[in-house]
Amino acid sequence: MTKRVDPVIKSIKEHTAQSGLSQNQLAVKAGITPQRLSNLMNGRGQIKPHEIKALSEALHVSIETVFEQLNC
C-alpha cells in the first residue's frame, strides 16, 4: 500500500532540501523528535498545526510560504 504524503510535508521537504539542513538537524531546531519528523516525512502520521509552525520557523520560511506552494 502506497502512503500518501501530505502536500504540506512535500513543501517542507522542498524547503529542507534548499536549506541544506539534514532531517535530524531540522528536527532538533524545530523541537520535534527525529523519529516523529521521519514518520511525517514518510507519510506516517498527520502533521499538527504547531509542528507546521515549528518547522517553518526552523527553516526560516513563513507559514504562508509553505502553503503558497500547495496550489490550493
C-alpha atoms as a PDB file:
ATOM      1  CA  MET A   1       0.000   0.000   0.000  1.00  0.00           C
ATOM      2  CA  THR A   2       1.377   3.408  -1.000  1.00  0.00           C
ATOM      3  CA  LYS A   3       1.459   6.036   1.706  1.00  0.00           C
ATOM      4  CA  ARG A   4       0.132   9.454   0.718  1.00  0.00           C
ATOM      5  CA  VAL A   5       2.470  12.291   1.650  1.00  0.00           C
ATOM      6  CA  ASP A   6       0.683  15.408   2.854  1.00  0.00           C
ATOM      7  CA  PRO A   7       1.173  18.390   0.500  1.00  0.00           C
ATOM      8  CA  VAL A   8       2.392  20.459   3.462  1.00  0.00           C
ATOM      9  CA  ILE A   9       5.090  17.863   4.118  1.00  0.00           C
ATOM     10  CA  LYS A  10       6.042  17.930   0.442  1.00  0.00           C
ATOM     11  CA  SER A  11       6.526  21.690   0.703  1.00  0.00           C
ATOM     12  CA  ILE A  12       8.535  21.320   3.914  1.00  0.00           C
ATOM     13  CA  LYS A  13      10.711  18.671   2.236  1.00  0.00           C
ATOM     14  CA  GLU A  14      11.481  21.109  -0.581  1.00  0.00           C
ATOM     15  CA  HIS A  15      12.408  23.860   1.876  1.00  0.00           C
ATOM     16  CA  THR A  16      14.523  21.408   3.857  1.00  0.00           C
ATOM     17  CA  ALA A  17      16.485  20.475   0.739  1.00  0.00           C
ATOM     18  CA  GLN A  18      17.010  24.159  -0.071  1.00  0.00           C
ATOM     19  CA  SER A  19      18.164  24.909   3.477  1.00  0.00           C
ATOM     20  CA  GLY A  20      20.928  22.319   3.457  1.00  0.00           C
ATOM     21  CA  LEU A  21      19.801  21.013   6.853  1.00  0.00           C
ATOM     22  CA  SER A  22      19.652  17.306   7.486  1.00  0.00           C
ATOM     23  CA  GLN A  23      16.365  15.877   8.667  1.00  0.00           C
ATOM     24  CA  ASN A  24      17.915  15.315  12.095  1.00  0.00           C
ATOM     25  CA  GLN A  25      19.160  18.917  12.307  1.00  0.00           C
ATOM     26  CA  LEU A  26      15.733  20.205  11.311  1.00  0.00           C
ATOM     27  CA  ALA A  27      14.032  18.071  13.944  1.00  0.00           C
ATOM     28  CA  VAL A  28      16.313  19.417  16.675  1.00  0.00           C
ATOM     29  CA  LYS A  29      15.836  23.041  15.560  1.00  0.00           C
ATOM     30  CA  ALA A  30      12.054  22.569  15.439  1.00  0.00           C
ATOM     31  CA  GLY A  31      11.818  20.788  18.790  1.00  0.00           C
ATOM     32  CA  ILE A  32      10.399  17.650  17.199  1.00  0.00           C
ATOM     33  CA  THR A  33      11.883  14.231  17.747  1.00  0.00           C
ATOM     34  CA  PRO A  34      13.824  12.883  14.778  1.00  0.00           C
ATOM     35  CA  GLN A  35      11.563   9.819  14.753  1.00  0.00           C
ATOM     36  CA  ARG A  36       8.409  11.966  14.585  1.00  0.00           C
ATOM     37  CA  LEU A  37       9.840  14.028  11.728  1.00  0.00           C
ATOM     38  CA  SER A  38      10.904  10.876   9.906  1.00  0.00           C
ATOM     39  CA  ASN A  39       7.399   9.474  10.275  1.00  0.00           C
ATOM     40  CA  LEU A  40       5.861  12.690   8.934  1.00  0.00           C
ATOM     41  CA  MET A  41       8.283  12.900   6.022  1.00  0.00           C
ATOM     42  CA  ASN A  42       7.441   9.325   5.061  1.00  0.00           C
ATOM     43  CA  GLY A  43       3.663   9.736   5.177  1.00  0.00           C
ATOM     44  CA  ARG A  44       3.150   8.114   8.564  1.00  0.00           C
ATOM     45  CA  GLY A  45       1.015  10.351  10.706  1.00  0.00           C
ATOM     46  CA  GLN A  46      -0.650  13.681  10.207  1.00  0.00           C
ATOM     47  CA  ILE A  47       1.209  16.919  10.800  1.00  0.00           C
ATOM     48  CA  LYS A  48      -0.215  19.139  13.530  1.00  0.00           C
ATOM     49  CA  PRO A  49      -0.530  22.931  13.290  1.00  0.00           C
ATOM     50  CA  HIS A  50       2.117  23.558  15.957  1.00  0.00           C
ATOM     51  CA  GLU A  51       4.527  21.312  14.040  1.00  0.00           C
ATOM     52  CA  ILE A  52       3.976  23.285  10.835  1.00  0.00           C
ATOM     53  CA  LYS A  53       4.780  26.464  12.753  1.00  0.00           C
ATOM     54  CA  ALA A  54       7.883  24.987  14.390  1.00  0.00           C
ATOM     55  CA  LEU A  55       9.207  23.555  11.143  1.00  0.00           C
ATOM     56  CA  SER A  56       8.623  26.736   9.175  1.00  0.00           C
ATOM     57  CA  GLU A  57      10.409  28.760  11.864  1.00  0.00           C
ATOM     58  CA  ALA A  58      13.325  26.329  11.896  1.00  0.00           C
ATOM     59  CA  LEU A  59      13.567  26.647   8.106  1.00  0.00           C
ATOM     60  CA  HIS A  60      13.263  30.449   8.255  1.00  0.00           C
ATOM     61  CA  VAL A  61      10.235  30.496   5.972  1.00  0.00           C
ATOM     62  CA  SER A  62       6.780  31.816   6.728  1.00  0.00           C
ATOM     63  CA  ILE A  63       3.821  29.519   7.111  1.00  0.00           C
ATOM     64  CA  GLU A  64       2.284  31.407   4.195  1.00  0.00           C
ATOM     65  CA  THR A  65       5.257  30.405   2.032  1.00  0.00           C
ATOM     66  CA  VAL A  66       4.762  26.759   2.973  1.00  0.00           C
ATOM     67  CA  PHE A  67       1.099  26.943   1.962  1.00  0.00           C
ATOM     68  CA  GLU A  68       1.677  29.038  -1.190  1.00  0.00           C
ATOM     69  CA  GLN A  69       3.323  26.095  -2.836  1.00  0.00           C
ATOM     70  CA  LEU A  70       0.277  23.907  -2.375  1.00  0.00           C
ATOM     71  CA  ASN A  71      -1.591  25.494  -5.293  1.00  0.00           C
ATOM     72  CA  CYS A  72      -4.876  25.010  -3.463  1.00  0.00           C
END
